[in-house]
PDB file of all heavy atoms in Angstrom:
ATOM      1  N   ILE A   1       8.899  17.245   5.087  1.00  0.00           N
ATOM      2  CA  ILE A   1       8.175  17.213   3.814  1.00  0.00           C
ATOM      3  C   ILE A   1       8.657  16.078   2.927  1.00  0.00           C
ATOM      4  O   ILE A   1       7.866  15.431   2.218  1.00  0.00           O
ATOM      5  CB  ILE A   1       8.286  18.585   3.083  1.00  0.00           C
ATOM      6  CG1 ILE A   1       7.273  18.658   1.917  1.00  0.00           C
ATOM      7  CG2 ILE A   1       9.664  18.789   2.559  1.00  0.00           C
ATOM      8  CD1 ILE A   1       5.848  18.627   2.371  1.00  0.00           C
ATOM      9  N   LYS A   2       9.948  15.770   2.998  1.00  0.00           N
ATOM     10  CA  LYS A   2      10.464  14.625   2.221  1.00  0.00           C
ATOM     11  C   LYS A   2       9.962  13.307   2.813  1.00  0.00           C
ATOM     12  O   LYS A   2       9.626  12.365   2.097  1.00  0.00           O
ATOM     13  CB  LYS A   2      11.987  14.652   2.204  1.00  0.00           C
ATOM     14  CG  LYS A   2      12.590  15.752   1.335  1.00  0.00           C
ATOM     15  CD  LYS A   2      14.099  15.720   1.381  1.00  0.00           C
ATOM     16  CE  LYS A   2      14.691  16.837   0.521  1.00  0.00           C
ATOM     17  NZ  LYS A   2      16.186  16.836   0.587  1.00  0.00           N
ATOM     18  N   ILE A   3       9.890  13.264   4.161  1.00  0.00           N
ATOM     19  CA  ILE A   3       9.410  12.030   4.813  1.00  0.00           C
ATOM     20  C   ILE A   3       7.982  11.754   4.428  1.00  0.00           C
ATOM     21  O   ILE A   3       7.636  10.625   4.033  1.00  0.00           O
ATOM     22  CB  ILE A   3       9.575  12.160   6.346  1.00  0.00           C
ATOM     23  CG1 ILE A   3      11.055  12.181   6.725  1.00  0.00           C
ATOM     24  CG2 ILE A   3       8.840  11.026   7.041  1.00  0.00           C
ATOM     25  CD1 ILE A   3      11.284  12.410   8.220  1.00  0.00           C
ATOM     26  N   VAL A   4       7.124  12.759   4.558  1.00  0.00           N
ATOM     27  CA  VAL A   4       5.708  12.506   4.249  1.00  0.00           C
ATOM     28  C   VAL A   4       5.508  12.267   2.767  1.00  0.00           C
ATOM     29  O   VAL A   4       4.611  11.515   2.368  1.00  0.00           O
ATOM     30  CB  VAL A   4       4.808  13.668   4.756  1.00  0.00           C
ATOM     31  CG1 VAL A   4       4.844  13.758   6.255  1.00  0.00           C
ATOM     32  CG2 VAL A   4       5.240  15.004   4.133  1.00  0.00           C
ATOM     33  N   THR A   5       6.310  12.921   1.924  1.00  0.00           N
ATOM     34  CA  THR A   5       6.177  12.698   0.484  1.00  0.00           C
ATOM     35  C   THR A   5       6.562  11.273   0.121  1.00  0.00           C
ATOM     36  O   THR A   5       5.843  10.579  -0.637  1.00  0.00           O
ATOM     37  CB  THR A   5       7.056  13.671  -0.298  1.00  0.00           C
ATOM     38  OG1 THR A   5       6.679  15.020   0.006  1.00  0.00           O
ATOM     39  CG2 THR A   5       6.889  13.471  -1.796  1.00  0.00           C
ATOM     40  N   LEU A   6       7.654  10.780   0.688  1.00  0.00           N
ATOM     41  CA  LEU A   6       8.061   9.396   0.421  1.00  0.00           C
ATOM     42  C   LEU A   6       7.047   8.421   1.011  1.00  0.00           C
ATOM     43  O   LEU A   6       6.696   7.433   0.367  1.00  0.00           O
ATOM     44  CB  LEU A   6       9.454   9.151   1.018  1.00  0.00           C
ATOM     45  CG  LEU A   6      10.628   9.795   0.281  1.00  0.00           C
ATOM     46  CD1 LEU A   6      11.919   9.611   1.076  1.00  0.00           C
ATOM     47  CD2 LEU A   6      10.765   9.187  -1.111  1.00  0.00           C
ATOM     48  N   ALA A   7       6.584   8.709   2.232  1.00  0.00           N
ATOM     49  CA  ALA A   7       5.570   7.833   2.840  1.00  0.00           C
ATOM     50  C   ALA A   7       4.278   7.838   2.034  1.00  0.00           C
ATOM     51  O   ALA A   7       3.596   6.827   1.939  1.00  0.00           O
ATOM     52  CB  ALA A   7       5.304   8.274   4.283  1.00  0.00           C
ATOM     53  N   THR A   8       3.968   8.986   1.427  1.00  0.00           N
ATOM     54  CA  THR A   8       2.757   9.081   0.619  1.00  0.00           C
ATOM     55  C   THR A   8       2.878   8.230  -0.645  1.00  0.00           C
ATOM     56  O   THR A   8       1.886   7.691  -1.145  1.00  0.00           O
ATOM     57  CB  THR A   8       2.519  10.571   0.224  1.00  0.00           C
ATOM     58  OG1 THR A   8       2.363  11.332   1.408  1.00  0.00           O
ATOM     59  CG2 THR A   8       1.241  10.697  -0.612  1.00  0.00           C
ATOM     60  N   VAL A   9       4.099   8.108  -1.166  1.00  0.00           N
ATOM     61  CA  VAL A   9       4.312   7.229  -2.313  1.00  0.00           C
ATOM     62  C   VAL A   9       4.247   5.759  -1.901  1.00  0.00           C
ATOM     63  O   VAL A   9       3.683   4.910  -2.580  1.00  0.00           O
ATOM     64  CB  VAL A   9       5.657   7.549  -2.997  1.00  0.00           C
ATOM     65  CG1 VAL A   9       5.945   6.563  -4.109  1.00  0.00           C
ATOM     66  CG2 VAL A   9       5.650   8.980  -3.530  1.00  0.00           C
ATOM     67  N   VAL A  10       4.847   5.442  -0.727  1.00  0.00           N
ATOM     68  CA  VAL A  10       4.919   4.057  -0.281  1.00  0.00           C
ATOM     69  C   VAL A  10       3.521   3.519   0.113  1.00  0.00           C
ATOM     70  O   VAL A  10       3.208   2.369  -0.158  1.00  0.00           O
ATOM     71  CB  VAL A  10       5.892   3.949   0.909  1.00  0.00           C
ATOM     72  CG1 VAL A  10       5.830   2.553   1.545  1.00  0.00           C
ATOM     73  CG2 VAL A  10       7.300   4.243   0.462  1.00  0.00           C
ATOM     74  N   THR A  11       2.720   4.390   0.738  1.00  0.00           N
ATOM     75  CA  THR A  11       1.434   3.923   1.282  1.00  0.00           C
ATOM     76  C   THR A  11       0.521   3.295   0.218  1.00  0.00           C
ATOM     77  O   THR A  11       0.030   2.154   0.400  1.00  0.00           O
ATOM     78  CB  THR A  11       0.718   5.075   1.979  1.00  0.00           C
ATOM     79  OG1 THR A  11       1.538   5.549   3.049  1.00  0.00           O
ATOM     80  CG2 THR A  11      -0.635   4.624   2.551  1.00  0.00           C
ATOM     81  N   PRO A  12       0.239   3.973  -0.892  1.00  0.00           N
ATOM     82  CA  PRO A  12      -0.639   3.310  -1.886  1.00  0.00           C
ATOM     83  C   PRO A  12      -0.050   2.040  -2.452  1.00  0.00           C
ATOM     84  O   PRO A  12      -0.783   1.089  -2.739  1.00  0.00           O
ATOM     85  CB  PRO A  12      -0.807   4.399  -2.962  1.00  0.00           C
ATOM     86  CG  PRO A  12      -0.477   5.684  -2.302  1.00  0.00           C
ATOM     87  CD  PRO A  12       0.551   5.353  -1.285  1.00  0.00           C
ATOM     88  N   VAL A  13       1.285   2.015  -2.633  1.00  0.00           N
ATOM     89  CA  VAL A  13       1.935   0.808  -3.153  1.00  0.00           C
ATOM     90  C   VAL A  13       1.731  -0.339  -2.181  1.00  0.00           C
ATOM     91  O   VAL A  13       1.369  -1.464  -2.552  1.00  0.00           O
ATOM     92  CB  VAL A  13       3.408   1.053  -3.436  1.00  0.00           C
ATOM     93  CG1 VAL A  13       4.086  -0.236  -3.889  1.00  0.00           C
ATOM     94  CG2 VAL A  13       3.587   2.159  -4.480  1.00  0.00           C
ATOM     95  N   LEU A  14       1.979  -0.077  -0.879  1.00  0.00           N
ATOM     96  CA  LEU A  14       1.817  -1.096   0.137  1.00  0.00           C
ATOM     97  C   LEU A  14       0.368  -1.542   0.231  1.00  0.00           C
ATOM     98  O   LEU A  14       0.065  -2.745   0.365  1.00  0.00           O
ATOM     99  CB  LEU A  14       2.326  -0.565   1.482  1.00  0.00           C
ATOM    100  CG  LEU A  14       2.308  -1.571   2.661  1.00  0.00           C
ATOM    101  CD1 LEU A  14       3.130  -2.798   2.326  1.00  0.00           C
ATOM    102  CD2 LEU A  14       2.808  -0.897   3.924  1.00  0.00           C
ATOM    103  N   LEU A  15      -0.536  -0.561   0.177  1.00  0.00           N
ATOM    104  CA  LEU A  15      -1.956  -0.911   0.219  1.00  0.00           C
ATOM    105  C   LEU A  15      -2.348  -1.749  -0.977  1.00  0.00           C
ATOM    106  O   LEU A  15      -3.199  -2.655  -0.894  1.00  0.00           O
ATOM    107  CB  LEU A  15      -2.814   0.369   0.273  1.00  0.00           C
ATOM    108  CG  LEU A  15      -2.929   1.033   1.640  1.00  0.00           C
ATOM    109  CD1 LEU A  15      -3.649   2.360   1.499  1.00  0.00           C
ATOM    110  CD2 LEU A  15      -3.641   0.154   2.606  1.00  0.00           C
ATOM    111  N   LEU A  16      -1.756  -1.455  -2.127  1.00  0.00           N
ATOM    112  CA  LEU A  16      -2.068  -2.227  -3.350  1.00  0.00           C
ATOM    113  C   LEU A  16      -1.653  -3.687  -3.145  1.00  0.00           C
ATOM    114  O   LEU A  16      -2.384  -4.622  -3.470  1.00  0.00           O
ATOM    115  CB  LEU A  16      -1.337  -1.601  -4.532  1.00  0.00           C
ATOM    116  CG  LEU A  16      -1.698  -2.128  -5.916  1.00  0.00           C
ATOM    117  CD1 LEU A  16      -3.141  -1.863  -6.242  1.00  0.00           C
ATOM    118  CD2 LEU A  16      -0.795  -1.475  -6.966  1.00  0.00           C
ATOM    119  N   VAL A  17      -0.429  -3.882  -2.590  1.00  0.00           N
ATOM    120  CA  VAL A  17       0.063  -5.239  -2.371  1.00  0.00           C
ATOM    121  C   VAL A  17      -0.815  -5.953  -1.351  1.00  0.00           C
ATOM    122  O   VAL A  17      -1.199  -7.136  -1.525  1.00  0.00           O
ATOM    123  CB  VAL A  17       1.533  -5.187  -1.885  1.00  0.00           C
ATOM    124  CG1 VAL A  17       2.013  -6.576  -1.486  1.00  0.00           C
ATOM    125  CG2 VAL A  17       2.428  -4.611  -2.968  1.00  0.00           C
ATOM    126  N   ILE A  18      -1.154  -5.281  -0.285  1.00  0.00           N
ATOM    127  CA  ILE A  18      -1.986  -5.891   0.772  1.00  0.00           C
ATOM    128  C   ILE A  18      -3.366  -6.249   0.248  1.00  0.00           C
ATOM    129  O   ILE A  18      -3.899  -7.326   0.499  1.00  0.00           O
ATOM    130  CB  ILE A  18      -2.095  -4.931   1.986  1.00  0.00           C
ATOM    131  CG1 ILE A  18      -0.742  -4.817   2.685  1.00  0.00           C
ATOM    132  CG2 ILE A  18      -3.154  -5.421   2.953  1.00  0.00           C
ATOM    133  CD1 ILE A  18      -0.722  -3.789   3.811  1.00  0.00           C
ATOM    134  N   THR A  19      -3.930  -5.348  -0.547  1.00  0.00           N
ATOM    135  CA  THR A  19      -5.267  -5.598  -1.093  1.00  0.00           C
ATOM    136  C   THR A  19      -5.261  -6.807  -2.028  1.00  0.00           C
ATOM    137  O   THR A  19      -6.206  -7.639  -1.998  1.00  0.00           O
ATOM    138  CB  THR A  19      -5.769  -4.357  -1.840  1.00  0.00           C
ATOM    139  OG1 THR A  19      -5.691  -3.225  -0.996  1.00  0.00           O
ATOM    140  CG2 THR A  19      -7.226  -4.540  -2.262  1.00  0.00           C
ATOM    141  N   ILE A  20      -4.246  -6.918  -2.848  1.00  0.00           N
ATOM    142  CA  ILE A  20      -4.153  -8.106  -3.726  1.00  0.00           C
ATOM    143  C   ILE A  20      -4.031  -9.363  -2.906  1.00  0.00           C
ATOM    144  O   ILE A  20      -4.647 -10.417  -3.200  1.00  0.00           O
ATOM    145  CB  ILE A  20      -2.958  -7.950  -4.698  1.00  0.00           C
ATOM    146  CG1 ILE A  20      -3.190  -6.766  -5.652  1.00  0.00           C
ATOM    147  CG2 ILE A  20      -2.706  -9.219  -5.465  1.00  0.00           C
ATOM    148  CD1 ILE A  20      -2.036  -6.460  -6.547  1.00  0.00           C
ATOM    149  N   GLY A  21      -3.227  -9.311  -1.800  1.00  0.00           N
ATOM    150  CA  GLY A  21      -3.119 -10.462  -0.931  1.00  0.00           C
ATOM    151  C   GLY A  21      -4.438 -10.827  -0.285  1.00  0.00           C
ATOM    152  O   GLY A  21      -4.765 -12.010  -0.138  1.00  0.00           O
ATOM    153  N   LEU A  22      -5.219  -9.814   0.131  1.00  0.00           N
ATOM    154  CA  LEU A  22      -6.533 -10.083   0.729  1.00  0.00           C
ATOM    155  C   LEU A  22      -7.496 -10.673  -0.270  1.00  0.00           C
ATOM    156  O   LEU A  22      -8.334 -11.514   0.071  1.00  0.00           O
ATOM    157  CB  LEU A  22      -7.100  -8.787   1.320  1.00  0.00           C
ATOM    158  CG  LEU A  22      -6.379  -8.244   2.565  1.00  0.00           C
ATOM    159  CD1 LEU A  22      -6.996  -6.911   2.994  1.00  0.00           C
ATOM    160  CD2 LEU A  22      -6.439  -9.250   3.713  1.00  0.00           C
ATOM    161  N   LEU A  23      -7.393 -10.235  -1.540  1.00  0.00           N
ATOM    162  CA  LEU A  23      -8.264 -10.821  -2.576  1.00  0.00           C
ATOM    163  C   LEU A  23      -7.980 -12.307  -2.741  1.00  0.00           C
ATOM    164  O   LEU A  23      -8.879 -13.109  -2.909  1.00  0.00           O
ATOM    165  CB  LEU A  23      -8.056 -10.090  -3.901  1.00  0.00           C
ATOM    166  CG  LEU A  23      -8.736  -8.721  -4.030  1.00  0.00           C
ATOM    167  CD1 LEU A  23      -8.352  -8.078  -5.365  1.00  0.00           C
ATOM    168  CD2 LEU A  23     -10.263  -8.873  -3.959  1.00  0.00           C
ATOM    169  N   ARG A  24      -6.709 -12.649  -2.662  1.00  0.00           N
ATOM    170  CA  ARG A  24      -6.361 -14.084  -2.754  1.00  0.00           C
ATOM    171  C   ARG A  24      -6.852 -14.867  -1.560  1.00  0.00           C
ATOM    172  O   ARG A  24      -7.116 -16.065  -1.656  1.00  0.00           O
ATOM    173  CB  ARG A  24      -4.843 -14.220  -2.891  1.00  0.00           C
ATOM    174  CG  ARG A  24      -4.287 -13.692  -4.206  1.00  0.00           C
ATOM    175  CD  ARG A  24      -2.772 -13.870  -4.281  1.00  0.00           C
ATOM    176  NE  ARG A  24      -2.250 -13.424  -5.581  1.00  0.00           N
ATOM    177  CZ  ARG A  24      -0.955 -13.451  -5.891  1.00  0.00           C
ATOM    178  NH1 ARG A  24      -0.073 -13.922  -5.021  1.00  0.00           N
ATOM    179  NH2 ARG A  24      -0.571 -13.038  -7.090  1.00  0.00           N
ATOM    180  N   LYS A  25      -6.991 -14.180  -0.416  1.00  0.00           N
ATOM    181  CA  LYS A  25      -7.507 -14.841   0.774  1.00  0.00           C
ATOM    182  C   LYS A  25      -9.046 -14.918   0.770  1.00  0.00           C
ATOM    183  O   LYS A  25      -9.635 -15.502   1.674  1.00  0.00           O
ATOM    184  CB  LYS A  25      -7.065 -14.085   2.037  1.00  0.00           C
ATOM    185  CG  LYS A  25      -5.560 -14.166   2.309  1.00  0.00           C
ATOM    186  CD  LYS A  25      -5.215 -13.279   3.509  1.00  0.00           C
ATOM    187  CE  LYS A  25      -3.744 -13.393   3.887  1.00  0.00           C
ATOM    188  NZ  LYS A  25      -3.427 -14.672   4.541  1.00  0.00           N
ATOM    189  N   GLY A  26      -9.661 -14.293  -0.241  1.00  0.00           N
ATOM    190  CA  GLY A  26     -11.123 -14.340  -0.341  1.00  0.00           C
ATOM    191  C   GLY A  26     -11.856 -13.251   0.386  1.00  0.00           C
ATOM    192  O   GLY A  26     -13.068 -13.366   0.635  1.00  0.00           O
ATOM    193  N   VAL A  27     -11.171 -12.148   0.744  1.00  0.00           N
ATOM    194  CA  VAL A  27     -11.825 -11.011   1.402  1.00  0.00           C
ATOM    195  C   VAL A  27     -12.530 -10.186   0.337  1.00  0.00           C
ATOM    196  O   VAL A  27     -11.893  -9.513  -0.490  1.00  0.00           O
ATOM    197  CB  VAL A  27     -10.810 -10.154   2.174  1.00  0.00           C
ATOM    198  CG1 VAL A  27     -11.500  -8.975   2.869  1.00  0.00           C
ATOM    199  CG2 VAL A  27     -10.059 -10.992   3.212  1.00  0.00           C
TER     200      VAL A  27
END
């Protein structure tokens, strides 16, 4: 439960960073 909770916090943050990077790439 701690693993999935921590992963649940990390996932949106990582997706946020990736999405910003894709926007800069013109996606």
